[in-house]
Amino acid sequence: MLNKRAHKGLTLIELLVAISVLAVVAVLGWRGLDSIVRSRIALTDDLAQTRGMQLTFAQLQSDCAHLFDPSVLVSKASLVAAQGRLTLVRTVFSDDHPSRLQVVTYQVRDGILTRRESVATRDLRELDKLWLSALNDTDTNTSTTPLDRLRTGVVLQSDVTALTMRLWVNGSNGWSTNLTAQAAPPLLGTPSNSPVPTGLEVTMQVHGRATGMVKIFLLGAV
């Protein structure tokens, strides 16, 4: 009598169970990988946002440190600040050139924070026109004349939901947030008959962050 060899192998049920287990493992692995990728993207975006804010504040610190002495500008302001915008006059130093003055404007519009600067000048009458042009937002046009030619605004930060500022005046009771009608829109400013502020506090709030980043700058520290 011949002995029949038993055929070893997986049954159909066992194959289905094995395939199901592999499918579950694959799904779990995919979810884990997807979570890692999403976390990495979010972390990269957050780092890029933080870096943009730091670069913005570094540029603002340089501008504030080189703020032109307002006591030299008779009956003029060297800095005005409103919620969402800041305009100031800074001193520009360059090799083989005397010091010159430049109008710089920071402005938030549609969630985008930009910085634009005028040409540098030593003519106070030209400076007046550049200053008024910046306040009236007419300094973004292109022109072939040196007076009206201003450099294109540079985007510093996106997703900005708020940019608030306060001024510090020595001998005052604290930070000033009172708005005056020095220009339109209402501005925190430095009228000629008012004490000159020595400090500026800027709070930048961006989308996706619970709190804003706060920085304090000395005005005219250089």
C-alpha atoms as a PDB file:
ATOM      1  CA  MET A   1       0.000   0.000   0.000  1.00  0.00           C
ATOM      2  CA  LEU A   2       1.477   3.332  -1.053  1.00  0.00           C
ATOM      3  CA  ASN A   3       1.730   6.054   1.561  1.00  0.00           C
ATOM      4  CA  LYS A   4       0.337   9.322   0.425  1.00  0.00           C
ATOM      5  CA  ARG A   5       2.487  12.330   1.203  1.00  0.00           C
ATOM      6  CA  ALA A   6       0.700  15.109   2.974  1.00  0.00           C
ATOM      7  CA  HIS A   7       0.839  18.304   0.888  1.00  0.00           C
ATOM      8  CA  LYS A   8       1.938  21.212   3.088  1.00  0.00           C
ATOM      9  CA  GLY A   9       0.770  24.760   2.298  1.00  0.00           C
ATOM     10  CA  LEU A  10      -1.466  27.654   3.285  1.00  0.00           C
ATOM     11  CA  THR A  11      -5.152  27.401   3.009  1.00  0.00           C
ATOM     12  CA  LEU A  12      -7.225  30.129   1.421  1.00  0.00           C
ATOM     13  CA  ILE A  13      -8.365  31.349   4.821  1.00  0.00           C
ATOM     14  CA  GLU A  14      -4.797  31.629   6.068  1.00  0.00           C
ATOM     15  CA  LEU A  15      -3.826  33.630   2.988  1.00  0.00           C
ATOM     16  CA  LEU A  16      -6.727  36.007   3.517  1.00  0.00           C
ATOM     17  CA  VAL A  17      -5.748  36.479   7.165  1.00  0.00           C
ATOM     18  CA  ALA A  18      -2.104  37.168   6.214  1.00  0.00           C
ATOM     19  CA  ILE A  19      -3.137  39.689   3.551  1.00  0.00           C
ATOM     20  CA  SER A  20      -5.455  41.429   6.027  1.00  0.00           C
ATOM     21  CA  VAL A  21      -2.679  41.693   8.622  1.00  0.00           C
ATOM     22  CA  LEU A  22      -0.278  43.135   6.041  1.00  0.00           C
ATOM     23  CA  ALA A  23      -2.946  45.627   4.924  1.00  0.00           C
ATOM     24  CA  VAL A  24      -3.460  46.797   8.511  1.00  0.00           C
ATOM     25  CA  VAL A  25       0.296  47.160   9.032  1.00  0.00           C
ATOM     26  CA  ALA A  26       0.607  49.100   5.762  1.00  0.00           C
ATOM     27  CA  VAL A  27      -2.220  51.463   6.733  1.00  0.00           C
ATOM     28  CA  LEU A  28      -0.697  52.077  10.171  1.00  0.00           C
ATOM     29  CA  GLY A  29       2.709  52.683   8.618  1.00  0.00           C
ATOM     30  CA  TRP A  30       1.252  55.098   6.067  1.00  0.00           C
ATOM     31  CA  ARG A  31      -0.577  57.038   8.752  1.00  0.00           C
ATOM     32  CA  GLY A  32       2.586  57.294  10.823  1.00  0.00           C
ATOM     33  CA  LEU A  33       4.607  58.475   7.835  1.00  0.00           C
ATOM     34  CA  ASP A  34       1.908  60.952   6.853  1.00  0.00           C
ATOM     35  CA  SER A  35       1.872  62.337  10.394  1.00  0.00           C
ATOM     36  CA  ILE A  36       5.659  62.738  10.335  1.00  0.00           C
ATOM     37  CA  VAL A  37       5.561  64.529   6.974  1.00  0.00           C
ATOM     38  CA  ARG A  38       2.782  66.853   8.105  1.00  0.00           C
ATOM     39  CA  SER A  39       4.630  67.651  11.341  1.00  0.00           C
ATOM     40  CA  ARG A  40       7.797  68.373   9.401  1.00  0.00           C
ATOM     41  CA  ILE A  41       5.963  70.708   7.019  1.00  0.00           C
ATOM     42  CA  ALA A  42       4.326  72.530   9.931  1.00  0.00           C
ATOM     43  CA  LEU A  43       7.679  72.832  11.737  1.00  0.00           C
ATOM     44  CA  THR A  44       9.381  74.134   8.586  1.00  0.00           C
ATOM     45  CA  ASP A  45       6.646  76.730   8.078  1.00  0.00           C
ATOM     46  CA  ASP A  46       6.868  77.764  11.719  1.00  0.00           C
ATOM     47  CA  LEU A  47      10.652  78.140  11.536  1.00  0.00           C
ATOM     48  CA  ALA A  48      10.358  80.160   8.324  1.00  0.00           C
ATOM     49  CA  GLN A  49       7.736  82.391   9.959  1.00  0.00           C
ATOM     50  CA  THR A  50       9.892  82.894  13.047  1.00  0.00           C
ATOM     51  CA  ARG A  51      12.934  83.667  10.920  1.00  0.00           C
ATOM     52  CA  GLY A  52      10.934  86.222   8.950  1.00  0.00           C
ATOM     53  CA  MET A  53       9.826  87.934  12.158  1.00  0.00           C
ATOM     54  CA  GLN A  54      13.384  88.023  13.488  1.00  0.00           C
ATOM     55  CA  LEU A  55      14.695  89.534  10.251  1.00  0.00           C
ATOM     56  CA  THR A  56      11.890  92.097  10.320  1.00  0.00           C
ATOM     57  CA  PHE A  57      12.727  93.159  13.861  1.00  0.00           C
ATOM     58  CA  ALA A  58      16.446  93.261  13.040  1.00  0.00           C
ATOM     59  CA  GLN A  59      15.771  95.666  10.165  1.00  0.00           C
ATOM     60  CA  LEU A  60      13.426  97.723  12.332  1.00  0.00           C
ATOM     61  CA  GLN A  61      16.052  97.904  15.068  1.00  0.00           C
ATOM     62  CA  SER A  62      18.590  99.263  12.571  1.00  0.00           C
ATOM     63  CA  ASP A  63      16.129 101.880  11.303  1.00  0.00           C
ATOM     64  CA  CYS A  64      15.194 102.979  14.824  1.00  0.00           C
ATOM     65  CA  ALA A  65      18.834 103.160  15.892  1.00  0.00           C
ATOM     66  CA  HIS A  66      19.542 105.512  12.975  1.00  0.00           C
ATOM     67  CA  LEU A  67      16.447 107.654  13.541  1.00  0.00           C
ATOM     68  CA  PHE A  68      17.224 111.252  12.643  1.00  0.00           C
ATOM     69  CA  ASP A  69      17.345 113.652  15.565  1.00  0.00           C
ATOM     70  CA  PRO A  70      13.880 115.289  15.545  1.00  0.00           C
ATOM     71  CA  SER A  71      15.225 118.393  17.270  1.00  0.00           C
ATOM     72  CA  VAL A  72      17.052 119.234  14.025  1.00  0.00           C
ATOM     73  CA  LEU A  73      13.835 119.030  11.998  1.00  0.00           C
ATOM     74  CA  VAL A  74      12.160 122.282  12.944  1.00  0.00           C
ATOM     75  CA  SER A  75       8.376 121.879  13.251  1.00  0.00           C
ATOM     76  CA  LYS A  76       8.595 118.418  11.723  1.00  0.00           C
ATOM     77  CA  ALA A  77       8.257 114.898  12.985  1.00  0.00           C
ATOM     78  CA  SER A  78      10.908 112.266  12.421  1.00  0.00           C
ATOM     79  CA  LEU A  79       8.589 109.389  13.338  1.00  0.00           C
ATOM     80  CA  VAL A  80       4.857 108.746  13.206  1.00  0.00           C
ATOM     81  CA  ALA A  81       3.222 105.438  14.032  1.00  0.00           C
ATOM     82  CA  ALA A  82      -0.284 104.119  13.577  1.00  0.00           C
ATOM     83  CA  GLN A  83      -1.662 100.660  14.119  1.00  0.00           C
ATOM     84  CA  GLY A  84      -0.451  98.795  11.063  1.00  0.00           C
ATOM     85  CA  ARG A  85       2.087 101.326   9.787  1.00  0.00           C
ATOM     86  CA  LEU A  86       5.233 103.185  10.787  1.00  0.00           C
ATOM     87  CA  THR A  87       6.940 106.039   8.964  1.00  0.00           C
ATOM     88  CA  LEU A  88      10.278 107.465  10.030  1.00  0.00           C
ATOM     89  CA  VAL A  89      13.254 109.473   8.852  1.00  0.00           C
ATOM     90  CA  ARG A  90      16.590 107.738   9.225  1.00  0.00           C
ATOM     91  CA  THR A  91      20.178 108.823   8.692  1.00  0.00           C
ATOM     92  CA  VAL A  92      22.029 106.973   5.947  1.00  0.00           C
ATOM     93  CA  PHE A  93      25.782 106.539   6.114  1.00  0.00           C
ATOM     94  CA  SER A  94      27.805 105.341   3.157  1.00  0.00           C
ATOM     95  CA  ASP A  95      31.434 105.349   2.114  1.00  0.00           C
ATOM     96  CA  ASP A  96      32.752 108.454   0.373  1.00  0.00           C
ATOM     97  CA  HIS A  97      29.438 110.262   0.905  1.00  0.00           C
ATOM     98  CA  PRO A  98      28.199 112.659   3.581  1.00  0.00           C
ATOM     99  CA  SER A  99      25.339 111.535   5.777  1.00  0.00           C
ATOM    100  CA  ARG A 100      21.934 111.785   4.122  1.00  0.00           C
ATOM    101  CA  LEU A 101      18.289 111.372   5.123  1.00  0.00           C
ATOM    102  CA  GLN A 102      15.816 108.756   3.971  1.00  0.00           C
ATOM    103  CA  VAL A 103      12.111 108.149   4.561  1.00  0.00           C
ATOM    104  CA  VAL A 104      11.229 104.575   5.530  1.00  0.00           C
ATOM    105  CA  THR A 105       7.704 103.169   5.754  1.00  0.00           C
ATOM    106  CA  TYR A 106       6.536  99.891   7.279  1.00  0.00           C
ATOM    107  CA  GLN A 107       2.963  99.016   6.394  1.00  0.00           C
ATOM    108  CA  VAL A 108       0.605  96.057   6.747  1.00  0.00           C
ATOM    109  CA  ARG A 109      -1.856  95.641   3.913  1.00  0.00           C
ATOM    110  CA  ASP A 110      -3.924  92.503   3.242  1.00  0.00           C
ATOM    111  CA  GLY A 111      -1.833  90.584   5.768  1.00  0.00           C
ATOM    112  CA  ILE A 112       1.467  91.473   4.081  1.00  0.00           C
ATOM    113  CA  LEU A 113       4.069  93.559   5.923  1.00  0.00           C
ATOM    114  CA  THR A 114       6.278  95.544   3.560  1.00  0.00           C
ATOM    115  CA  ARG A 115       9.112  98.007   3.984  1.00  0.00           C
ATOM    116  CA  ARG A 116       9.771 100.728   1.461  1.00  0.00           C
ATOM    117  CA  GLU A 117      12.386 103.442   1.488  1.00  0.00           C
ATOM    118  CA  SER A 118      12.936 106.674  -0.370  1.00  0.00           C
ATOM    119  CA  VAL A 119      16.049 107.879  -2.075  1.00  0.00           C
ATOM    120  CA  ALA A 120      18.563 109.458   0.286  1.00  0.00           C
ATOM    121  CA  THR A 121      18.791 113.230   0.236  1.00  0.00           C
ATOM    122  CA  ARG A 122      20.387 116.204   1.982  1.00  0.00           C
ATOM    123  CA  ASP A 123      17.759 118.666   0.769  1.00  0.00           C
ATOM    124  CA  LEU A 124      15.173 119.301   3.503  1.00  0.00           C
ATOM    125  CA  ARG A 125      12.643 120.580   0.960  1.00  0.00           C
ATOM    126  CA  GLU A 126      13.011 117.371  -0.975  1.00  0.00           C
ATOM    127  CA  LEU A 127      12.716 115.472   2.295  1.00  0.00           C
ATOM    128  CA  ASP A 128       9.402 117.211   3.006  1.00  0.00           C
ATOM    129  CA  LYS A 129       7.999 116.030  -0.315  1.00  0.00           C
ATOM    130  CA  LEU A 130       9.260 112.497   0.247  1.00  0.00           C
ATOM    131  CA  TRP A 131       7.726 112.507   3.733  1.00  0.00           C
ATOM    132  CA  LEU A 132       4.308 113.667   2.532  1.00  0.00           C
ATOM    133  CA  SER A 133       4.443 111.222  -0.352  1.00  0.00           C
ATOM    134  CA  ALA A 134       5.088 108.365   2.071  1.00  0.00           C
ATOM    135  CA  LEU A 135       2.277 109.412   4.427  1.00  0.00           C
ATOM    136  CA  ASN A 136      -0.175 109.709   1.535  1.00  0.00           C
ATOM    137  CA  ASP A 137       0.914 106.385   0.007  1.00  0.00           C
ATOM    138  CA  THR A 138       1.846 108.051  -3.262  1.00  0.00           C
ATOM    139  CA  ASP A 139       5.467 106.949  -3.050  1.00  0.00           C
ATOM    140  CA  THR A 140       4.914 103.646  -4.812  1.00  0.00           C
ATOM    141  CA  ASN A 141       4.637 105.098  -8.295  1.00  0.00           C
ATOM    142  CA  THR A 142       7.518 104.885 -10.744  1.00  0.00           C
ATOM    143  CA  SER A 143       9.148 108.036 -11.964  1.00  0.00           C
ATOM    144  CA  THR A 144      12.333 109.073 -13.683  1.00  0.00           C
ATOM    145  CA  THR A 145      12.873 112.031 -11.371  1.00  0.00           C
ATOM    146  CA  PRO A 146      15.044 111.502  -8.281  1.00  0.00           C
ATOM    147  CA  LEU A 147      12.458 113.222  -6.089  1.00  0.00           C
ATOM    148  CA  ASP A 148       9.648 110.770  -6.726  1.00  0.00           C
ATOM    149  CA  ARG A 149      11.696 107.661  -7.444  1.00  0.00           C
ATOM    150  CA  LEU A 150      11.426 105.296  -4.488  1.00  0.00           C
ATOM    151  CA  ARG A 151      12.609 101.760  -4.250  1.00  0.00           C
ATOM    152  CA  THR A 152      10.028  99.038  -4.587  1.00  0.00           C
ATOM    153  CA  GLY A 153       8.623  97.845  -1.266  1.00  0.00           C
ATOM    154  CA  VAL A 154      10.195  94.676   0.107  1.00  0.00           C
ATOM    155  CA  VAL A 155       7.939  92.005   1.606  1.00  0.00           C
ATOM    156  CA  LEU A 156       9.116  91.240   5.133  1.00  0.00           C
ATOM    157  CA  GLN A 157       6.369  89.026   6.547  1.00  0.00           C
ATOM    158  CA  SER A 158       3.139  87.413   5.409  1.00  0.00           C
ATOM    159  CA  ASP A 159       0.046  86.313   7.371  1.00  0.00           C
ATOM    160  CA  VAL A 160       0.285  89.352   9.647  1.00  0.00           C
ATOM    161  CA  THR A 161      -2.986  89.862  11.491  1.00  0.00           C
ATOM    162  CA  ALA A 162      -1.956  92.884  13.589  1.00  0.00           C
ATOM    163  CA  LEU A 163       0.933  95.287  14.038  1.00  0.00           C
ATOM    164  CA  THR A 164       0.516  97.497  17.093  1.00  0.00           C
ATOM    165  CA  MET A 165       2.904 100.116  18.465  1.00  0.00           C
ATOM    166  CA  ARG A 166       3.431 102.221  21.551  1.00  0.00           C
ATOM    167  CA  LEU A 167       5.854 105.075  22.217  1.00  0.00           C
ATOM    168  CA  TRP A 168       7.872 105.791  25.344  1.00  0.00           C
ATOM    169  CA  VAL A 169       8.593 109.350  26.435  1.00  0.00           C
ATOM    170  CA  ASN A 170      11.013 110.051  29.268  1.00  0.00           C
ATOM    171  CA  GLY A 171       9.243 111.480  32.293  1.00  0.00           C
ATOM    172  CA  SER A 172       5.834 110.186  31.202  1.00  0.00           C
ATOM    173  CA  ASN A 173       3.623 107.809  33.138  1.00  0.00           C
ATOM    174  CA  GLY A 174       4.248 104.932  30.765  1.00  0.00           C
ATOM    175  CA  TRP A 175       3.768 103.824  27.205  1.00  0.00           C
ATOM    176  CA  SER A 176       1.687 106.157  25.065  1.00  0.00           C
ATOM    177  CA  THR A 177      -1.146 104.816  22.933  1.00  0.00           C
ATOM    178  CA  ASN A 178      -3.090 108.059  22.526  1.00  0.00           C
ATOM    179  CA  LEU A 179      -3.983 108.835  18.924  1.00  0.00           C
ATOM    180  CA  THR A 180      -3.792 112.361  17.600  1.00  0.00           C
ATOM    181  CA  ALA A 181      -5.008 113.928  14.383  1.00  0.00           C
ATOM    182  CA  GLN A 182      -1.545 114.917  13.197  1.00  0.00           C
ATOM    183  CA  ALA A 183      -2.172 113.336   9.808  1.00  0.00           C
ATOM    184  CA  ALA A 184      -4.637 111.027   8.168  1.00  0.00           C
ATOM    185  CA  PRO A 185      -5.079 108.273   9.204  1.00  0.00           C
ATOM    186  CA  PRO A 186      -4.773 109.150  12.937  1.00  0.00           C
ATOM    187  CA  LEU A 187      -1.186 108.808  14.018  1.00  0.00           C
ATOM    188  CA  LEU A 188       0.882 108.394  17.110  1.00  0.00           C
ATOM    189  CA  GLY A 189       3.397 111.067  16.366  1.00  0.00           C
ATOM    190  CA  THR A 190       5.957 113.526  17.600  1.00  0.00           C
ATOM    191  CA  PRO A 191       4.579 117.040  17.064  1.00  0.00           C
ATOM    192  CA  SER A 192       7.189 119.741  17.480  1.00  0.00           C
ATOM    193  CA  ASN A 193       5.634 120.949  20.734  1.00  0.00           C
ATOM    194  CA  SER A 194       5.567 117.493  22.325  1.00  0.00           C
ATOM    195  CA  PRO A 195       8.309 115.574  24.161  1.00  0.00           C
ATOM    196  CA  VAL A 196      10.436 113.458  21.882  1.00  0.00           C
ATOM    197  CA  PRO A 197       9.893 109.700  22.382  1.00  0.00           C
ATOM    198  CA  THR A 198      12.948 107.619  23.154  1.00  0.00           C
ATOM    199  CA  GLY A 199      11.479 104.128  22.825  1.00  0.00           C
ATOM    200  CA  LEU A 200       9.205 102.196  20.504  1.00  0.00           C
ATOM    201  CA  GLU A 201       7.361  98.987  21.363  1.00  0.00           C
ATOM    202  CA  VAL A 202       6.172  96.884  18.431  1.00  0.00           C
ATOM    203  CA  THR A 203       3.896  93.856  18.708  1.00  0.00           C
ATOM    204  CA  MET A 204       3.511  91.660  15.655  1.00  0.00           C
ATOM    205  CA  GLN A 205       0.701  89.107  15.565  1.00  0.00           C
ATOM    206  CA  VAL A 206       0.751  86.501  12.818  1.00  0.00           C
ATOM    207  CA  HIS A 207      -1.778  83.902  11.797  1.00  0.00           C
ATOM    208  CA  GLY A 208      -1.573  80.615  13.681  1.00  0.00           C
ATOM    209  CA  ARG A 209       0.124  81.984  16.813  1.00  0.00           C
ATOM    210  CA  ALA A 210      -1.710  82.481  20.070  1.00  0.00           C
ATOM    211  CA  THR A 211       0.443  85.417  21.137  1.00  0.00           C
ATOM    212  CA  GLY A 212       2.335  88.097  19.281  1.00  0.00           C
ATOM    213  CA  MET A 213       6.061  88.748  19.279  1.00  0.00           C
ATOM    214  CA  VAL A 214       6.948  91.892  21.203  1.00  0.00           C
ATOM    215  CA  LYS A 215      10.133  93.924  20.729  1.00  0.00           C
ATOM    216  CA  ILE A 216      11.270  97.229  22.208  1.00  0.00           C
ATOM    217  CA  PHE A 217      13.636  99.527  20.322  1.00  0.00           C
ATOM    218  CA  LEU A 218      15.647 102.552  21.356  1.00  0.00           C
ATOM    219  CA  LEU A 219      15.072 105.534  19.106  1.00  0.00           C
ATOM    220  CA  GLY A 220      18.194 107.249  17.851  1.00  0.00           C
ATOM    221  CA  ALA A 221      20.591 105.064  19.788  1.00  0.00           C
ATOM    222  CA  VAL A 222      23.418 105.557  17.271  1.00  0.00           C
END
